[in-house]
């Protein structure tokens, strides 16, 4: 079983051999290249759009 989780569980994703899926890590904290910033935002939004279904299910 795989679980989509938020950024607070990023270390757990490595410890569980990929069973916990977290948003991508930021590679650059300062002065990130524009291409990296765009890629990071696309990946983050894709993860959030899949995860929102889970959050709505929990809410109900």
C-alpha atoms as a PDB file:
ATOM      1  CA  UNK A   1       0.000   0.000   0.000  1.00  0.00           C
ATOM      2  CA  UNK A   2       1.313   3.444  -0.869  1.00  0.00           C
ATOM      3  CA  UNK A   3       0.464   6.575   1.063  1.00  0.00           C
ATOM      4  CA  UNK A   4       0.530  10.163  -0.196  1.00  0.00           C
ATOM      5  CA  UNK A   5       1.750  12.458   2.553  1.00  0.00           C
ATOM      6  CA  UNK A   6       2.864  16.037   3.010  1.00  0.00           C
ATOM      7  CA  UNK A   7       6.374  17.457   3.260  1.00  0.00           C
ATOM      8  CA  UNK A   8       6.568  16.799   6.996  1.00  0.00           C
ATOM      9  CA  UNK A   9       7.085  13.091   6.258  1.00  0.00           C
ATOM     10  CA  UNK A  10       9.879  13.375   3.650  1.00  0.00           C
ATOM     11  CA  UNK A  11      12.338  11.283   5.661  1.00  0.00           C
ATOM     12  CA  UNK A  12       9.769   8.527   6.055  1.00  0.00           C
ATOM     13  CA  UNK A  13       9.587   8.091   2.281  1.00  0.00           C
ATOM     14  CA  UNK A  14      13.179   6.858   2.204  1.00  0.00           C
ATOM     15  CA  UNK A  15      12.817   4.663   5.275  1.00  0.00           C
ATOM     16  CA  UNK A  16       9.793   2.764   3.918  1.00  0.00           C
ATOM     17  CA  UNK A  17      11.204   1.886   0.469  1.00  0.00           C
ATOM     18  CA  UNK A  18       8.802   4.182  -1.360  1.00  0.00           C
ATOM     19  CA  UNK A  19       5.581   3.231   0.401  1.00  0.00           C
ATOM     20  CA  UNK A  20       5.188   6.810   1.649  1.00  0.00           C
ATOM     21  CA  UNK A  21       5.158   9.261  -1.267  1.00  0.00           C
ATOM     22  CA  UNK A  22       6.081  12.847  -0.423  1.00  0.00           C
ATOM     23  CA  UNK A  23       6.459  16.042  -2.446  1.00  0.00           C
ATOM     24  CA  UNK A  24       9.874  16.632  -4.048  1.00  0.00           C
ATOM     25  CA  UNK A  25      12.744  18.123  -2.088  1.00  0.00           C
ATOM     26  CA  UNK A  26      14.103  21.519  -3.048  1.00  0.00           C
ATOM     27  CA  UNK A  27      17.534  21.147  -4.609  1.00  0.00           C
ATOM     28  CA  UNK A  28      18.446  24.826  -4.431  1.00  0.00           C
ATOM     29  CA  UNK A  29      17.525  26.969  -1.452  1.00  0.00           C
ATOM     30  CA  UNK A  30      19.033  30.184  -2.820  1.00  0.00           C
ATOM     31  CA  UNK A  31      19.435  31.454  -6.359  1.00  0.00           C
ATOM     32  CA  UNK A  32      17.690  28.508  -7.995  1.00  0.00           C
ATOM     33  CA  UNK A  33      17.842  28.368 -11.805  1.00  0.00           C
ATOM     34  CA  UNK A  34      14.551  29.220 -13.466  1.00  0.00           C
ATOM     35  CA  UNK A  35      14.186  25.749 -15.009  1.00  0.00           C
ATOM     36  CA  UNK A  36      14.567  24.090 -11.611  1.00  0.00           C
ATOM     37  CA  UNK A  37      12.035  26.409 -10.006  1.00  0.00           C
ATOM     38  CA  UNK A  38       9.485  25.613 -12.748  1.00  0.00           C
ATOM     39  CA  UNK A  39      10.086  21.863 -12.474  1.00  0.00           C
ATOM     40  CA  UNK A  40       9.756  21.970  -8.692  1.00  0.00           C
ATOM     41  CA  UNK A  41       6.438  23.847  -8.899  1.00  0.00           C
ATOM     42  CA  UNK A  42       5.009  21.400 -11.472  1.00  0.00           C
ATOM     43  CA  UNK A  43       5.970  18.395  -9.349  1.00  0.00           C
ATOM     44  CA  UNK A  44       4.663  19.980  -6.155  1.00  0.00           C
ATOM     45  CA  UNK A  45       1.316  20.887  -7.737  1.00  0.00           C
ATOM     46  CA  UNK A  46       0.924  17.412  -9.260  1.00  0.00           C
ATOM     47  CA  UNK A  47       1.500  15.810  -5.859  1.00  0.00           C
ATOM     48  CA  UNK A  48      -0.907  18.219  -4.164  1.00  0.00           C
ATOM     49  CA  UNK A  49      -3.649  17.609  -6.733  1.00  0.00           C
ATOM     50  CA  UNK A  50      -3.460  13.836  -6.124  1.00  0.00           C
ATOM     51  CA  UNK A  51      -3.297  14.294  -2.354  1.00  0.00           C
ATOM     52  CA  UNK A  52      -6.289  16.660  -2.111  1.00  0.00           C
ATOM     53  CA  UNK A  53      -8.626  13.733  -2.863  1.00  0.00           C
ATOM     54  CA  UNK A  54      -7.323  11.958   0.222  1.00  0.00           C
ATOM     55  CA  UNK A  55      -7.737  15.070   2.349  1.00  0.00           C
ATOM     56  CA  UNK A  56     -11.337  15.495   1.195  1.00  0.00           C
ATOM     57  CA  UNK A  57     -12.038  11.839   1.994  1.00  0.00           C
ATOM     58  CA  UNK A  58     -10.660  12.263   5.505  1.00  0.00           C
ATOM     59  CA  UNK A  59     -12.730  15.411   5.961  1.00  0.00           C
ATOM     60  CA  UNK A  60     -15.977  13.559   5.225  1.00  0.00           C
END
